[in-house]
Amino acid sequence: MSETKYRIEFNEEQQKFHLDNGTGKLNSHGWFTVMDEATNKQFHVFESFVNRTNKSRLTRDYLLNCVTEFGGFLKNLNEYGYKIQ
């Protein structure tokens, strides 16, 4: 059985993440897409990755940079035989 995939969105003003199952309108009401498809587990690992520093305020640019870094992090883990699904 396949785990549900979500679109990870973030609201910079509210400083909150939201997992959209595809029913919400893309990039609306102050939310912007951080990742197009992620499982709950991938989201929790990503959120931990984002919060690895004591950044007082998360920004769009910071989060989008984290997505790029996170991709490299997952690739490195995969080379060691670890896969986060």
N, C-alpha and C. Protein backbone atom coordinates (compact mmCIF):
# COMPACT_ATOMS: atom_id res chain seq x y z
N MET A 1 0.84 -1.18 0.00
CA MET A 1 0.00 0.00 0.00
C MET A 1 0.89 1.24 0.00
N SER A 2 0.56 2.18 -0.81
CA SER A 2 1.33 3.41 -0.96
C SER A 2 0.86 4.46 0.06
N GLU A 3 1.82 5.16 0.63
CA GLU A 3 1.49 6.21 1.59
C GLU A 3 1.01 7.46 0.85
N THR A 4 0.11 8.19 1.46
CA THR A 4 -0.42 9.41 0.87
C THR A 4 0.68 10.44 0.68
N LYS A 5 0.66 11.11 -0.45
CA LYS A 5 1.61 12.18 -0.75
C LYS A 5 0.89 13.52 -0.61
N TYR A 6 1.60 14.48 -0.05
CA TYR A 6 1.05 15.81 0.18
C TYR A 6 1.92 16.87 -0.49
N ARG A 7 1.32 18.02 -0.73
CA ARG A 7 2.07 19.20 -1.16
C ARG A 7 2.40 19.97 0.12
N ILE A 8 3.67 20.24 0.36
CA ILE A 8 4.06 21.01 1.54
C ILE A 8 3.99 22.49 1.19
N GLU A 9 3.22 23.21 1.99
CA GLU A 9 3.08 24.64 1.80
C GLU A 9 3.50 25.36 3.08
N PHE A 10 3.87 26.62 2.94
CA PHE A 10 4.29 27.41 4.08
C PHE A 10 3.70 28.80 3.97
N ASN A 11 3.30 29.34 5.11
CA ASN A 11 2.80 30.71 5.17
C ASN A 11 3.81 31.52 5.96
N GLU A 12 4.49 32.44 5.27
CA GLU A 12 5.56 33.21 5.88
C GLU A 12 5.05 34.11 7.01
N GLU A 13 3.88 34.70 6.81
CA GLU A 13 3.32 35.59 7.84
C GLU A 13 2.96 34.80 9.11
N GLN A 14 2.33 33.65 8.93
CA GLN A 14 1.92 32.83 10.08
C GLN A 14 3.06 31.96 10.62
N GLN A 15 4.11 31.78 9.81
CA GLN A 15 5.24 30.91 10.17
C GLN A 15 4.77 29.49 10.45
N LYS A 16 3.92 28.98 9.55
CA LYS A 16 3.37 27.64 9.71
C LYS A 16 3.44 26.87 8.40
N PHE A 17 3.64 25.55 8.56
CA PHE A 17 3.57 24.64 7.42
C PHE A 17 2.15 24.09 7.32
N HIS A 18 1.83 23.62 6.13
CA HIS A 18 0.52 23.01 5.86
C HIS A 18 0.75 21.89 4.85
N LEU A 19 0.13 20.76 5.09
CA LEU A 19 0.17 19.66 4.13
C LEU A 19 -1.15 19.64 3.38
N ASP A 20 -1.09 19.84 2.08
CA ASP A 20 -2.29 19.87 1.25
C ASP A 20 -2.38 18.56 0.48
N ASN A 21 -3.55 17.95 0.53
CA ASN A 21 -3.75 16.68 -0.17
C ASN A 21 -4.21 16.86 -1.61
N GLY A 22 -4.07 18.07 -2.12
CA GLY A 22 -4.44 18.34 -3.50
C GLY A 22 -5.80 18.96 -3.66
N THR A 23 -6.50 19.19 -2.56
CA THR A 23 -7.83 19.77 -2.65
C THR A 23 -7.80 21.29 -2.55
N GLY A 24 -6.73 21.85 -2.01
CA GLY A 24 -6.63 23.31 -1.86
C GLY A 24 -6.12 23.96 -3.13
N LYS A 25 -6.38 25.27 -3.23
CA LYS A 25 -5.91 26.03 -4.38
C LYS A 25 -4.43 26.32 -4.21
N LEU A 26 -3.67 26.03 -5.23
CA LEU A 26 -2.22 26.17 -5.24
C LEU A 26 -1.81 27.63 -4.99
N ASN A 27 -0.87 27.82 -4.05
CA ASN A 27 -0.27 29.13 -3.76
C ASN A 27 -1.32 30.23 -3.55
N SER A 28 -2.22 30.00 -2.61
CA SER A 28 -3.26 30.99 -2.34
C SER A 28 -3.30 31.34 -0.86
N HIS A 29 -3.91 32.46 -0.55
CA HIS A 29 -4.13 32.91 0.83
C HIS A 29 -2.84 32.99 1.64
N GLY A 30 -1.75 33.40 1.00
CA GLY A 30 -0.48 33.57 1.69
C GLY A 30 0.37 32.32 1.77
N TRP A 31 -0.13 31.19 1.26
CA TRP A 31 0.63 29.94 1.28
C TRP A 31 1.41 29.81 -0.02
N PHE A 32 2.62 29.27 0.07
CA PHE A 32 3.38 28.98 -1.14
C PHE A 32 3.90 27.55 -1.05
N THR A 33 4.07 26.94 -2.20
CA THR A 33 4.51 25.55 -2.27
C THR A 33 6.00 25.46 -2.02
N VAL A 34 6.35 24.59 -1.07
CA VAL A 34 7.75 24.32 -0.76
C VAL A 34 8.18 23.05 -1.49
N MET A 35 7.34 22.01 -1.44
CA MET A 35 7.57 20.74 -2.13
C MET A 35 6.26 20.28 -2.73
N ASP A 36 6.36 19.65 -3.89
CA ASP A 36 5.14 19.18 -4.57
C ASP A 36 4.61 17.87 -4.01
N GLU A 37 5.48 16.95 -3.65
CA GLU A 37 5.04 15.64 -3.16
C GLU A 37 5.92 15.17 -2.02
N ALA A 38 5.28 14.88 -0.89
CA ALA A 38 6.02 14.35 0.26
C ALA A 38 5.07 13.53 1.13
N THR A 39 5.60 12.48 1.71
CA THR A 39 4.83 11.70 2.68
C THR A 39 4.92 12.40 4.03
N ASN A 40 4.14 11.93 4.99
CA ASN A 40 4.21 12.48 6.35
C ASN A 40 5.63 12.37 6.91
N LYS A 41 6.24 11.20 6.72
CA LYS A 41 7.58 10.97 7.24
C LYS A 41 8.59 11.92 6.58
N GLN A 42 8.49 12.07 5.27
CA GLN A 42 9.40 12.98 4.57
C GLN A 42 9.21 14.41 5.06
N PHE A 43 7.97 14.80 5.31
CA PHE A 43 7.71 16.14 5.83
C PHE A 43 8.36 16.33 7.20
N HIS A 44 8.21 15.36 8.09
CA HIS A 44 8.80 15.49 9.43
C HIS A 44 10.32 15.57 9.37
N VAL A 45 10.93 14.80 8.49
CA VAL A 45 12.39 14.86 8.34
C VAL A 45 12.78 16.22 7.75
N PHE A 46 12.03 16.69 6.75
CA PHE A 46 12.30 18.00 6.16
C PHE A 46 12.15 19.11 7.20
N GLU A 47 11.09 19.06 7.98
CA GLU A 47 10.88 20.10 9.01
C GLU A 47 12.03 20.09 10.02
N SER A 48 12.49 18.92 10.40
CA SER A 48 13.64 18.82 11.31
C SER A 48 14.89 19.40 10.64
N PHE A 49 15.06 19.13 9.35
CA PHE A 49 16.19 19.65 8.59
C PHE A 49 16.15 21.18 8.57
N VAL A 50 14.98 21.74 8.31
CA VAL A 50 14.80 23.19 8.26
C VAL A 50 15.11 23.82 9.62
N ASN A 51 14.70 23.15 10.68
CA ASN A 51 14.86 23.71 12.02
C ASN A 51 16.19 23.34 12.68
N ARG A 52 17.16 22.87 11.89
CA ARG A 52 18.46 22.48 12.46
C ARG A 52 19.23 23.68 12.98
N THR A 53 18.88 24.87 12.55
CA THR A 53 19.50 26.09 13.07
C THR A 53 18.44 26.88 13.82
N ASN A 54 18.88 27.77 14.66
CA ASN A 54 17.94 28.59 15.44
C ASN A 54 17.58 29.86 14.68
N LYS A 55 16.99 29.68 13.53
CA LYS A 55 16.56 30.81 12.72
C LYS A 55 15.27 31.37 13.31
N SER A 56 15.27 32.65 13.63
CA SER A 56 14.10 33.23 14.30
C SER A 56 12.89 33.34 13.38
N ARG A 57 13.13 33.51 12.09
CA ARG A 57 12.02 33.65 11.15
C ARG A 57 12.36 32.93 9.86
N LEU A 58 11.49 32.05 9.43
CA LEU A 58 11.68 31.32 8.17
C LEU A 58 11.19 32.17 7.02
N THR A 59 11.95 32.18 5.95
CA THR A 59 11.57 32.96 4.76
C THR A 59 11.42 32.03 3.57
N ARG A 60 10.76 32.54 2.57
CA ARG A 60 10.57 31.79 1.32
C ARG A 60 11.92 31.37 0.74
N ASP A 61 12.85 32.32 0.64
CA ASP A 61 14.17 32.02 0.06
C ASP A 61 14.90 30.96 0.87
N TYR A 62 14.85 31.08 2.20
CA TYR A 62 15.52 30.10 3.06
C TYR A 62 14.94 28.71 2.84
N LEU A 63 13.61 28.60 2.82
CA LEU A 63 12.95 27.30 2.66
C LEU A 63 13.24 26.68 1.29
N LEU A 64 13.20 27.49 0.25
CA LEU A 64 13.48 26.97 -1.09
C LEU A 64 14.93 26.53 -1.21
N ASN A 65 15.85 27.22 -0.53
CA ASN A 65 17.24 26.78 -0.48
C ASN A 65 17.35 25.46 0.28
N CYS A 66 16.59 25.34 1.37
CA CYS A 66 16.59 24.10 2.15
C CYS A 66 16.12 22.91 1.31
N VAL A 67 15.15 23.13 0.43
CA VAL A 67 14.66 22.05 -0.43
C VAL A 67 15.81 21.51 -1.29
N THR A 68 16.61 22.40 -1.83
CA THR A 68 17.75 21.99 -2.65
C THR A 68 18.76 21.21 -1.80
N GLU A 69 19.10 21.75 -0.63
CA GLU A 69 20.04 21.08 0.27
C GLU A 69 19.49 19.74 0.74
N PHE A 70 18.20 19.69 1.02
CA PHE A 70 17.55 18.48 1.50
C PHE A 70 17.63 17.38 0.44
N GLY A 71 17.48 17.75 -0.82
CA GLY A 71 17.61 16.78 -1.90
C GLY A 71 18.99 16.13 -1.91
N GLY A 72 20.02 16.93 -1.70
CA GLY A 72 21.38 16.40 -1.62
C GLY A 72 21.57 15.53 -0.39
N PHE A 73 20.97 15.93 0.72
CA PHE A 73 21.02 15.16 1.96
C PHE A 73 20.39 13.78 1.76
N LEU A 74 19.21 13.74 1.13
CA LEU A 74 18.53 12.47 0.87
C LEU A 74 19.34 11.60 -0.08
N LYS A 75 19.96 12.22 -1.08
CA LYS A 75 20.80 11.48 -2.03
C LYS A 75 21.97 10.83 -1.29
N ASN A 76 22.60 11.57 -0.39
CA ASN A 76 23.71 11.02 0.39
C ASN A 76 23.25 9.87 1.28
N LEU A 77 22.10 10.03 1.92
CA LEU A 77 21.56 8.95 2.75
C LEU A 77 21.32 7.70 1.90
N ASN A 78 20.77 7.91 0.71
CA ASN A 78 20.47 6.79 -0.19
C ASN A 78 21.74 6.03 -0.57
N GLU A 79 22.83 6.75 -0.71
CA GLU A 79 24.11 6.09 -1.04
C GLU A 79 24.58 5.19 0.09
N TYR A 80 24.16 5.47 1.32
CA TYR A 80 24.48 4.62 2.47
C TYR A 80 23.43 3.53 2.71
N GLY A 81 22.42 3.51 1.83
CA GLY A 81 21.39 2.49 1.94
C GLY A 81 20.18 2.88 2.77
N TYR A 82 20.06 4.18 3.12
CA TYR A 82 18.91 4.65 3.89
C TYR A 82 17.95 5.37 2.94
N LYS A 83 16.68 5.06 3.09
CA LYS A 83 15.68 5.70 2.25
C LYS A 83 14.52 6.15 3.13
N ILE A 84 14.14 7.40 2.99
CA ILE A 84 13.01 7.94 3.76
C ILE A 84 11.81 8.01 2.84
N GLN A 85 10.83 7.18 3.14
CA GLN A 85 9.63 7.15 2.29
C GLN A 85 8.45 7.71 3.00
